[in-house]
Amino acid sequence: MQPTAIEVAERLYERWNENRLSVMTASVDPAVELVCDPLRPNESALHGIDGWKRWVARWEESYDTMHVAVDGVIPLDPESVLALVSISATPRSGQQELRWAAAHLWTVRDGRIARWESHVDLAAARQTLL
């Protein structure tokens, strides 16, 4: 039985907080799309397993510490969930911890991550759901 979208997202956040996103590669669809800046989706999107590895490296190389608290996971349909998260992180070149909230829209097909889109503006996140 394939894991649900909620189960995949929850497992991913556990690994993210362990600084082990790279172990999730087996749970990634080979055609995955990661939209890093929804205001510029064509310029910011990463594709495929190589894109996933670049995405993971960005997070792991940019911060000394990071914690993603999942404030809520909302199932949208069998393949999609919206995760509301609070992130705290200390950049590698800084000493002050940064904190921000985001909405992550995950699409999971056949138990694998097929798409991720991040929003720091919940109104913008709602627009992608229309």
N, C-alpha and C. Protein backbone atom coordinates (compact mmCIF):
# COMPACT_ATOMS: atom_id res chain seq x y z
N MET A 1 0.83 -1.18 0.00
CA MET A 1 0.00 0.00 0.00
C MET A 1 0.88 1.25 0.00
N GLN A 2 0.57 2.18 -0.89
CA GLN A 2 1.35 3.42 -1.03
C GLN A 2 1.07 4.35 0.16
N PRO A 3 2.08 5.09 0.62
CA PRO A 3 1.82 6.07 1.67
C PRO A 3 0.96 7.21 1.13
N THR A 4 0.16 7.79 1.99
CA THR A 4 -0.68 8.91 1.60
C THR A 4 0.18 10.17 1.46
N ALA A 5 -0.41 11.19 0.86
CA ALA A 5 0.29 12.47 0.71
C ALA A 5 0.64 13.05 2.09
N ILE A 6 -0.26 12.92 3.04
CA ILE A 6 0.01 13.41 4.40
C ILE A 6 1.17 12.65 5.00
N GLU A 7 1.20 11.34 4.86
CA GLU A 7 2.30 10.53 5.42
C GLU A 7 3.64 10.90 4.79
N VAL A 8 3.65 11.11 3.49
CA VAL A 8 4.90 11.50 2.81
C VAL A 8 5.36 12.86 3.32
N ALA A 9 4.45 13.82 3.42
CA ALA A 9 4.83 15.16 3.91
C ALA A 9 5.33 15.10 5.34
N GLU A 10 4.68 14.36 6.20
CA GLU A 10 5.11 14.25 7.60
C GLU A 10 6.50 13.63 7.69
N ARG A 11 6.74 12.58 6.91
CA ARG A 11 8.06 11.93 6.92
C ARG A 11 9.13 12.88 6.41
N LEU A 12 8.77 13.65 5.37
CA LEU A 12 9.72 14.61 4.82
C LEU A 12 10.12 15.65 5.86
N TYR A 13 9.15 16.20 6.59
CA TYR A 13 9.49 17.21 7.61
C TYR A 13 10.32 16.61 8.73
N GLU A 14 10.08 15.37 9.09
CA GLU A 14 10.94 14.70 10.09
C GLU A 14 12.39 14.66 9.59
N ARG A 15 12.58 14.25 8.34
CA ARG A 15 13.94 14.17 7.78
C ARG A 15 14.56 15.57 7.65
N TRP A 16 13.74 16.56 7.27
CA TRP A 16 14.22 17.93 7.13
C TRP A 16 14.79 18.40 8.47
N ASN A 17 14.08 18.13 9.55
CA ASN A 17 14.54 18.56 10.88
C ASN A 17 15.75 17.76 11.38
N GLU A 18 15.98 16.61 10.81
CA GLU A 18 17.16 15.81 11.13
C GLU A 18 18.33 16.16 10.21
N ASN A 19 18.12 17.14 9.31
CA ASN A 19 19.12 17.51 8.30
C ASN A 19 19.45 16.31 7.42
N ARG A 20 18.40 15.57 7.04
CA ARG A 20 18.57 14.36 6.25
C ARG A 20 17.62 14.34 5.06
N LEU A 21 17.37 15.50 4.47
CA LEU A 21 16.51 15.54 3.28
C LEU A 21 17.02 14.65 2.17
N SER A 22 18.33 14.52 2.07
CA SER A 22 18.90 13.74 0.97
C SER A 22 18.46 12.28 1.00
N VAL A 23 18.09 11.74 2.17
CA VAL A 23 17.65 10.34 2.21
C VAL A 23 16.26 10.16 1.63
N MET A 24 15.57 11.26 1.35
CA MET A 24 14.22 11.18 0.78
C MET A 24 14.23 10.98 -0.73
N THR A 25 15.40 10.96 -1.36
CA THR A 25 15.48 10.87 -2.82
C THR A 25 14.69 9.68 -3.36
N ALA A 26 14.67 8.57 -2.65
CA ALA A 26 13.92 7.40 -3.12
C ALA A 26 12.42 7.67 -3.13
N SER A 27 11.97 8.68 -2.39
CA SER A 27 10.55 9.02 -2.34
C SER A 27 10.20 10.17 -3.28
N VAL A 28 11.08 10.44 -4.23
CA VAL A 28 10.88 11.56 -5.15
C VAL A 28 10.62 11.01 -6.55
N ASP A 29 9.57 11.52 -7.17
CA ASP A 29 9.26 11.16 -8.55
C ASP A 29 10.39 11.66 -9.46
N PRO A 30 10.84 10.86 -10.43
CA PRO A 30 11.93 11.29 -11.31
C PRO A 30 11.62 12.59 -12.07
N ALA A 31 10.34 12.92 -12.22
CA ALA A 31 9.95 14.15 -12.93
C ALA A 31 9.49 15.24 -11.96
N VAL A 32 9.95 15.18 -10.72
CA VAL A 32 9.53 16.15 -9.70
C VAL A 32 9.76 17.59 -10.17
N GLU A 33 8.87 18.48 -9.75
CA GLU A 33 9.02 19.91 -10.02
C GLU A 33 8.97 20.63 -8.68
N LEU A 34 9.97 21.49 -8.43
CA LEU A 34 10.06 22.27 -7.20
C LEU A 34 10.01 23.74 -7.57
N VAL A 35 8.94 24.41 -7.18
CA VAL A 35 8.78 25.83 -7.50
C VAL A 35 9.19 26.62 -6.27
N CYS A 36 10.38 27.22 -6.36
CA CYS A 36 10.97 27.90 -5.22
C CYS A 36 10.43 29.31 -5.03
N ASP A 37 10.04 29.97 -6.08
CA ASP A 37 9.49 31.32 -6.01
C ASP A 37 8.25 31.39 -6.88
N PRO A 38 7.06 31.29 -6.26
CA PRO A 38 5.84 31.25 -7.05
C PRO A 38 5.58 32.54 -7.84
N LEU A 39 6.25 33.63 -7.49
CA LEU A 39 6.11 34.85 -8.28
C LEU A 39 6.89 34.77 -9.58
N ARG A 40 7.87 33.87 -9.64
CA ARG A 40 8.67 33.66 -10.85
C ARG A 40 8.81 32.15 -11.11
N PRO A 41 7.71 31.44 -11.32
CA PRO A 41 7.79 29.98 -11.41
C PRO A 41 8.67 29.48 -12.55
N ASN A 42 8.66 30.15 -13.69
CA ASN A 42 9.47 29.67 -14.82
C ASN A 42 10.96 29.82 -14.55
N GLU A 43 11.35 30.83 -13.80
CA GLU A 43 12.78 31.06 -13.52
C GLU A 43 13.27 30.31 -12.29
N SER A 44 12.35 29.98 -11.37
CA SER A 44 12.80 29.41 -10.10
C SER A 44 12.60 27.91 -10.00
N ALA A 45 11.92 27.30 -10.94
CA ALA A 45 11.59 25.88 -10.83
C ALA A 45 12.82 25.00 -11.07
N LEU A 46 12.90 23.96 -10.27
CA LEU A 46 13.92 22.91 -10.44
C LEU A 46 13.17 21.64 -10.84
N HIS A 47 13.81 20.83 -11.68
CA HIS A 47 13.13 19.66 -12.22
C HIS A 47 13.98 18.40 -12.05
N GLY A 48 13.29 17.30 -11.85
CA GLY A 48 13.93 15.99 -11.82
C GLY A 48 14.76 15.75 -10.58
N ILE A 49 15.40 14.59 -10.54
CA ILE A 49 16.22 14.19 -9.40
C ILE A 49 17.39 15.16 -9.21
N ASP A 50 18.00 15.62 -10.30
CA ASP A 50 19.08 16.60 -10.17
C ASP A 50 18.56 17.89 -9.55
N GLY A 51 17.36 18.31 -9.92
CA GLY A 51 16.76 19.49 -9.32
C GLY A 51 16.49 19.29 -7.84
N TRP A 52 16.02 18.09 -7.48
CA TRP A 52 15.80 17.75 -6.07
C TRP A 52 17.12 17.86 -5.29
N LYS A 53 18.17 17.30 -5.85
CA LYS A 53 19.47 17.34 -5.16
C LYS A 53 19.96 18.78 -5.00
N ARG A 54 19.74 19.63 -6.00
CA ARG A 54 20.11 21.06 -5.88
C ARG A 54 19.27 21.74 -4.81
N TRP A 55 17.99 21.42 -4.77
CA TRP A 55 17.08 21.99 -3.77
C TRP A 55 17.53 21.61 -2.36
N VAL A 56 17.82 20.33 -2.16
CA VAL A 56 18.29 19.87 -0.85
C VAL A 56 19.60 20.57 -0.49
N ALA A 57 20.53 20.65 -1.43
CA ALA A 57 21.83 21.28 -1.17
C ALA A 57 21.66 22.75 -0.78
N ARG A 58 20.72 23.44 -1.41
CA ARG A 58 20.48 24.85 -1.05
C ARG A 58 20.14 24.99 0.43
N TRP A 59 19.22 24.15 0.89
CA TRP A 59 18.84 24.21 2.30
C TRP A 59 20.00 23.82 3.20
N GLU A 60 20.66 22.72 2.90
CA GLU A 60 21.72 22.22 3.77
C GLU A 60 22.95 23.12 3.78
N GLU A 61 23.23 23.77 2.66
CA GLU A 61 24.42 24.63 2.58
C GLU A 61 24.16 26.05 3.09
N SER A 62 22.91 26.46 3.18
CA SER A 62 22.60 27.84 3.53
C SER A 62 22.46 28.08 5.03
N TYR A 63 22.19 27.03 5.80
CA TYR A 63 21.89 27.22 7.21
C TYR A 63 22.70 26.29 8.10
N ASP A 64 23.18 26.86 9.23
CA ASP A 64 23.85 26.03 10.23
C ASP A 64 22.83 25.20 10.99
N THR A 65 21.73 25.83 11.34
CA THR A 65 20.65 25.14 12.04
C THR A 65 19.34 25.48 11.36
N MET A 66 18.42 24.54 11.42
CA MET A 66 17.09 24.79 10.86
C MET A 66 16.11 23.87 11.54
N HIS A 67 14.92 24.43 11.81
CA HIS A 67 13.83 23.62 12.33
C HIS A 67 12.55 24.05 11.64
N VAL A 68 11.81 23.08 11.13
CA VAL A 68 10.53 23.33 10.47
C VAL A 68 9.45 22.74 11.36
N ALA A 69 8.67 23.64 11.99
CA ALA A 69 7.54 23.19 12.82
C ALA A 69 6.30 23.14 11.93
N VAL A 70 5.65 22.02 11.92
CA VAL A 70 4.44 21.86 11.12
C VAL A 70 3.26 22.31 11.98
N ASP A 71 2.66 23.41 11.59
CA ASP A 71 1.53 23.96 12.33
C ASP A 71 0.21 23.30 11.93
N GLY A 72 0.18 22.75 10.73
CA GLY A 72 -1.01 22.06 10.28
C GLY A 72 -0.82 21.50 8.88
N VAL A 73 -1.46 20.39 8.62
CA VAL A 73 -1.43 19.77 7.30
C VAL A 73 -2.89 19.58 6.86
N ILE A 74 -3.19 20.17 5.72
CA ILE A 74 -4.57 20.17 5.23
C ILE A 74 -4.63 19.35 3.95
N PRO A 75 -5.35 18.22 3.97
CA PRO A 75 -5.50 17.46 2.72
C PRO A 75 -6.41 18.22 1.76
N LEU A 76 -5.96 18.37 0.53
CA LEU A 76 -6.75 19.08 -0.48
C LEU A 76 -7.46 18.10 -1.40
N ASP A 77 -6.81 17.00 -1.70
CA ASP A 77 -7.37 15.91 -2.48
C ASP A 77 -6.46 14.72 -2.21
N PRO A 78 -6.70 13.56 -2.79
CA PRO A 78 -5.86 12.40 -2.46
C PRO A 78 -4.37 12.58 -2.77
N GLU A 79 -4.03 13.48 -3.70
CA GLU A 79 -2.63 13.66 -4.08
C GLU A 79 -1.98 14.91 -3.51
N SER A 80 -2.75 15.82 -2.94
CA SER A 80 -2.22 17.13 -2.56
C SER A 80 -2.51 17.47 -1.11
N VAL A 81 -1.50 18.07 -0.47
CA VAL A 81 -1.66 18.58 0.89
C VAL A 81 -1.03 19.97 0.96
N LEU A 82 -1.62 20.79 1.83
CA LEU A 82 -1.06 22.10 2.12
C LEU A 82 -0.54 22.04 3.54
N ALA A 83 0.76 22.27 3.70
CA ALA A 83 1.38 22.26 5.02
C ALA A 83 1.66 23.70 5.42
N LEU A 84 1.13 24.10 6.57
CA LEU A 84 1.42 25.40 7.13
C LEU A 84 2.56 25.20 8.12
N VAL A 85 3.66 25.91 7.89
CA VAL A 85 4.87 25.67 8.69
C VAL A 85 5.43 26.97 9.25
N SER A 86 6.16 26.82 10.35
CA SER A 86 6.95 27.91 10.93
C SER A 86 8.39 27.46 10.91
N ILE A 87 9.24 28.27 10.33
CA ILE A 87 10.64 27.88 10.13
C ILE A 87 11.54 28.80 10.96
N SER A 88 12.49 28.21 11.64
CA SER A 88 13.53 28.99 12.32
C SER A 88 14.87 28.44 11.85
N ALA A 89 15.77 29.35 11.51
CA ALA A 89 17.06 28.92 10.94
C ALA A 89 18.13 29.96 11.21
N THR A 90 19.35 29.48 11.36
CA THR A 90 20.50 30.36 11.49
C THR A 90 21.33 30.23 10.23
N PRO A 91 21.45 31.32 9.46
CA PRO A 91 22.25 31.25 8.23
C PRO A 91 23.72 30.97 8.55
N ARG A 92 24.40 30.32 7.62
CA ARG A 92 25.81 29.99 7.81
C ARG A 92 26.67 31.23 8.05
N SER A 93 26.33 32.33 7.40
CA SER A 93 27.15 33.53 7.53
C SER A 93 26.64 34.48 8.61
N GLY A 94 25.65 34.06 9.38
CA GLY A 94 25.08 34.95 10.37
C GLY A 94 24.99 34.31 11.74
N GLN A 95 24.67 35.15 12.71
CA GLN A 95 24.53 34.66 14.07
C GLN A 95 23.10 34.78 14.56
N GLN A 96 22.32 35.63 13.92
CA GLN A 96 20.94 35.85 14.32
C GLN A 96 20.02 34.83 13.67
N GLU A 97 19.19 34.21 14.49
CA GLU A 97 18.23 33.26 13.97
C GLU A 97 17.13 33.99 13.21
N LEU A 98 16.76 33.44 12.06
CA LEU A 98 15.66 33.96 11.26
C LEU A 98 14.43 33.12 11.53
N ARG A 99 13.27 33.77 11.46
CA ARG A 99 12.01 33.04 11.63
C ARG A 99 11.03 33.51 10.58
N TRP A 100 10.33 32.56 9.97
CA TRP A 100 9.30 32.92 9.01
C TRP A 100 8.26 31.81 8.91
N ALA A 101 7.10 32.20 8.44
CA ALA A 101 6.02 31.24 8.22
C ALA A 101 5.89 31.02 6.72
N ALA A 102 5.44 29.85 6.36
CA ALA A 102 5.26 29.53 4.95
C ALA A 102 4.13 28.52 4.79
N ALA A 103 3.65 28.44 3.58
CA ALA A 103 2.71 27.40 3.19
C ALA A 103 3.38 26.59 2.10
N HIS A 104 3.48 25.30 2.30
CA HIS A 104 4.08 24.40 1.31
C HIS A 104 2.97 23.55 0.70
N LEU A 105 2.87 23.63 -0.59
CA LEU A 105 1.89 22.83 -1.32
C LEU A 105 2.63 21.62 -1.90
N TRP A 106 2.26 20.42 -1.45
CA TRP A 106 2.89 19.18 -1.88
C TRP A 106 1.93 18.38 -2.75
N THR A 107 2.46 17.81 -3.81
CA THR A 107 1.70 16.86 -4.62
C THR A 107 2.46 15.54 -4.58
N VAL A 108 1.76 14.48 -4.25
CA VAL A 108 2.36 13.14 -4.13
C VAL A 108 1.59 12.20 -5.04
N ARG A 109 2.32 11.53 -5.93
CA ARG A 109 1.71 10.55 -6.83
C ARG A 109 2.40 9.21 -6.64
N ASP A 110 1.60 8.18 -6.49
CA ASP A 110 2.12 6.82 -6.30
C ASP A 110 3.13 6.77 -5.16
N GLY A 111 2.86 7.53 -4.09
CA GLY A 111 3.73 7.51 -2.92
C GLY A 111 5.00 8.32 -3.05
N ARG A 112 5.16 9.07 -4.15
CA ARG A 112 6.38 9.85 -4.38
C ARG A 112 6.07 11.32 -4.52
N ILE A 113 7.01 12.15 -4.10
CA ILE A 113 6.86 13.60 -4.20
C ILE A 113 6.96 13.99 -5.67
N ALA A 114 5.89 14.58 -6.20
CA ALA A 114 5.85 14.97 -7.61
C ALA A 114 5.99 16.48 -7.78
N ARG A 115 5.63 17.25 -6.74
CA ARG A 115 5.69 18.71 -6.86
C ARG A 115 5.73 19.33 -5.47
N TRP A 116 6.46 20.45 -5.36
CA TRP A 116 6.50 21.27 -4.15
C TRP A 116 6.47 22.72 -4.57
N GLU A 117 5.68 23.48 -3.87
CA GLU A 117 5.60 24.90 -4.14
C GLU A 117 5.55 25.61 -2.79
N SER A 118 6.37 26.62 -2.62
CA SER A 118 6.45 27.33 -1.35
C SER A 118 5.84 28.72 -1.48
N HIS A 119 5.11 29.11 -0.45
CA HIS A 119 4.51 30.45 -0.40
C HIS A 119 4.76 31.05 0.99
N VAL A 120 5.17 32.29 1.03
CA VAL A 120 5.25 32.99 2.31
C VAL A 120 4.04 33.90 2.49
N ASP A 121 3.22 33.99 1.48
CA ASP A 121 1.99 34.78 1.50
C ASP A 121 0.83 33.81 1.34
N LEU A 122 0.04 33.66 2.41
CA LEU A 122 -1.05 32.70 2.35
C LEU A 122 -2.10 33.07 1.31
N ALA A 123 -2.29 34.35 1.06
CA ALA A 123 -3.24 34.75 0.01
C ALA A 123 -2.76 34.24 -1.35
N ALA A 124 -1.46 34.32 -1.59
CA ALA A 124 -0.91 33.80 -2.85
C ALA A 124 -1.07 32.28 -2.92
N ALA A 125 -0.90 31.62 -1.79
CA ALA A 125 -1.07 30.16 -1.77
C ALA A 125 -2.50 29.80 -2.15
N ARG A 126 -3.45 30.55 -1.63
CA ARG A 126 -4.86 30.27 -1.96
C ARG A 126 -5.10 30.40 -3.46
N GLN A 127 -4.45 31.36 -4.11
CA GLN A 127 -4.65 31.57 -5.54
C GLN A 127 -4.20 30.37 -6.35
N THR A 128 -3.17 29.65 -5.90
CA THR A 128 -2.70 28.48 -6.65
C THR A 128 -3.69 27.33 -6.54
N LEU A 129 -4.58 27.40 -5.58
CA LEU A 129 -5.53 26.31 -5.38
C LEU A 129 -6.79 26.47 -6.21
N LEU A 130 -6.97 27.61 -6.84
CA LEU A 130 -8.18 27.86 -7.63
C LEU A 130 -8.17 27.10 -8.93
